[in-house]
Protein backbone atom coordinates (compact mmCIF):
# COMPACT_ATOMS: atom_id res chain seq x y z
CA MET A 1 -18.13 11.06 -45.95
CA THR A 2 -19.50 8.84 -48.71
CA SER A 3 -17.92 5.18 -47.68
CA LEU A 4 -15.35 4.23 -45.17
CA VAL A 5 -12.72 0.80 -45.77
CA ARG A 6 -15.06 -1.85 -43.42
CA HIS A 7 -12.36 -4.61 -44.25
CA VAL A 8 -9.31 -5.48 -46.14
CA THR A 9 -10.11 -8.92 -48.01
CA ILE A 10 -7.33 -11.14 -48.29
CA ASP A 11 -7.80 -14.08 -50.58
CA CYS A 12 -6.31 -17.66 -49.50
CA ALA A 13 -6.17 -21.17 -49.38
CA ASP A 14 -7.31 -21.89 -45.73
CA ALA A 15 -9.35 -18.68 -44.54
CA TYR A 16 -9.69 -19.94 -41.02
CA ALA A 17 -5.85 -20.70 -40.67
CA LEU A 18 -4.32 -17.63 -42.32
CA ALA A 19 -7.24 -15.61 -39.90
CA THR A 20 -5.40 -17.31 -37.33
CA PHE A 21 -1.87 -16.42 -37.96
CA TRP A 22 -2.67 -12.67 -38.92
CA ALA A 23 -4.38 -12.97 -35.21
CA LYS A 24 -1.15 -13.59 -33.72
CA VAL A 25 0.27 -10.86 -35.81
CA LEU A 26 -2.04 -8.39 -34.74
CA ASP A 27 -2.57 -9.72 -30.95
CA SER A 28 -6.00 -10.52 -31.82
CA LYS A 29 -8.09 -13.21 -32.45
CA PRO A 30 -10.42 -14.51 -35.12
CA SER A 31 -13.74 -13.73 -34.59
CA ASP A 32 -15.90 -16.09 -32.47
CA ASP A 33 -18.47 -16.72 -35.21
CA ASP A 34 -15.42 -18.42 -37.19
CA GLU A 35 -14.09 -22.00 -36.99
CA PRO A 36 -11.55 -24.18 -39.01
CA GLY A 37 -13.00 -25.36 -42.68
CA ASP A 38 -15.09 -21.71 -42.67
CA PRO A 39 -15.29 -20.06 -46.52
CA GLU A 40 -14.65 -17.01 -44.36
CA ALA A 41 -12.75 -15.94 -41.40
CA LEU A 42 -12.58 -12.31 -39.76
CA VAL A 43 -9.64 -10.66 -37.92
CA GLU A 44 -10.75 -7.37 -35.84
CA SER A 45 -8.22 -5.21 -34.67
CA PRO A 46 -7.92 -1.59 -34.04
CA GLY A 47 -5.59 -0.42 -37.06
CA ALA A 48 -7.73 -2.64 -39.72
CA ASN A 49 -10.28 -5.34 -39.83
CA LEU A 50 -9.14 -8.12 -41.97
CA LEU A 51 -11.33 -10.62 -43.89
CA PHE A 52 -10.04 -13.81 -45.61
CA ILE A 53 -11.75 -15.54 -48.23
CA GLN A 54 -11.40 -18.95 -49.36
CA VAL A 55 -10.91 -19.29 -53.39
CA PRO A 56 -10.04 -22.11 -55.74
CA GLU A 57 -7.45 -20.70 -57.21
CA PRO A 58 -3.60 -20.10 -55.69
CA LYS A 59 -1.79 -17.12 -55.47
CA ALA A 60 0.26 -16.73 -58.84
CA VAL A 61 1.81 -12.97 -58.57
CA LYS A 62 2.71 -10.36 -56.43
CA ASN A 63 0.41 -8.52 -54.46
CA ARG A 64 -1.03 -5.12 -55.75
CA VAL A 65 -1.95 -3.73 -52.17
CA HIS A 66 0.16 -5.34 -49.27
CA LEU A 67 -0.47 -4.41 -45.56
CA ASP A 68 2.36 -2.11 -43.68
CA LEU A 69 2.93 -2.70 -40.17
CA GLN A 70 4.21 -0.45 -37.64
CA PRO A 71 5.51 -2.30 -34.41
CA GLN A 72 3.66 -0.39 -31.39
CA ASP A 73 5.93 -1.87 -28.68
CA ARG A 74 9.19 -3.26 -30.10
CA THR A 75 11.65 -2.38 -32.66
CA ARG A 76 11.50 -3.27 -36.24
CA ASP A 77 13.70 -6.22 -36.12
CA GLU A 78 12.36 -7.67 -33.00
CA GLU A 79 9.05 -7.69 -34.74
CA VAL A 80 10.78 -9.20 -37.75
CA GLU A 81 11.82 -12.33 -35.57
CA ARG A 82 8.55 -12.51 -33.77
CA LEU A 83 6.80 -13.17 -37.43
CA LEU A 84 9.77 -15.13 -38.67
CA GLY A 85 8.51 -17.36 -35.52
CA LEU A 86 4.70 -17.06 -36.12
CA GLY A 87 5.63 -18.66 -39.81
CA ALA A 88 6.29 -15.07 -41.88
CA THR A 89 9.24 -15.61 -44.33
CA LEU A 90 11.57 -12.83 -45.21
CA ILE A 91 11.53 -12.51 -49.04
CA ASP A 92 13.18 -8.71 -49.40
CA ASP A 93 15.43 -7.13 -46.61
CA ARG A 94 15.29 -3.23 -47.48
CA ARG A 95 16.78 -2.99 -43.65
CA ASN A 96 19.70 -0.25 -44.45
CA ALA A 97 22.88 -0.19 -41.65
CA ASP A 98 21.92 3.21 -40.58
CA GLY A 99 18.61 2.08 -38.92
CA THR A 100 16.34 2.93 -41.94
CA GLY A 101 14.23 1.10 -44.52
CA TRP A 102 11.87 -1.85 -44.06
CA ALA A 103 11.83 -5.90 -44.32
CA THR A 104 9.38 -7.63 -46.98
CA MET A 105 7.87 -10.51 -45.72
CA ALA A 106 5.23 -13.29 -46.62
CA ASP A 107 2.58 -15.04 -44.52
CA PRO A 108 2.08 -18.38 -44.61
CA GLU A 109 0.30 -18.23 -48.01
CA GLY A 110 2.84 -15.77 -49.80
CA ASN A 111 1.09 -13.15 -49.28
CA GLU A 112 3.35 -10.19 -48.99
CA PHE A 113 3.32 -7.46 -46.43
CA CYS A 114 6.22 -5.28 -44.80
CA VAL A 115 7.17 -4.28 -41.60
CA GLU A 116 8.67 -0.58 -40.84
CA ARG A 117 10.14 1.04 -37.71
CA SER A 118 8.45 1.86 -35.17
CA ALA A 119 7.34 5.61 -34.20
CA ALA A 120 10.04 5.38 -31.73
CA GLU A 121 12.55 4.17 -34.11
CA ARG A 122 11.35 6.91 -36.55
CA ALA A 123 11.70 9.64 -33.87
CA ALA A 124 14.85 8.41 -32.87
CA THR A 125 16.92 9.32 -36.61
CA ALA A 126 14.12 12.39 -37.39
């Protein structure tokens, strides 16, 4: 193998604040080396490490790359409600009456991400 993805890097206005939000989403914490005001902050998690980098310009357009979250110990709808409570917003509800679909959400800085069905929900409709 020639390369591995080391981090998924997200530009933002406040690296530590956004890392703190995502750490809660992923049941993790910002790196012990990071603190408020740092221009970079890292969140390590089993699925992917997220690196937040402070940039001067605001987010202006739709993400070209986004994260897809799959809840591990709750349903998709329970996860959507939990994330709303953490400060995310629902920007496009693609959930269907038959249980399929996903929810497109945004983090506190407007970065889009999707919440898919859990593995158990997928198995129940297979």
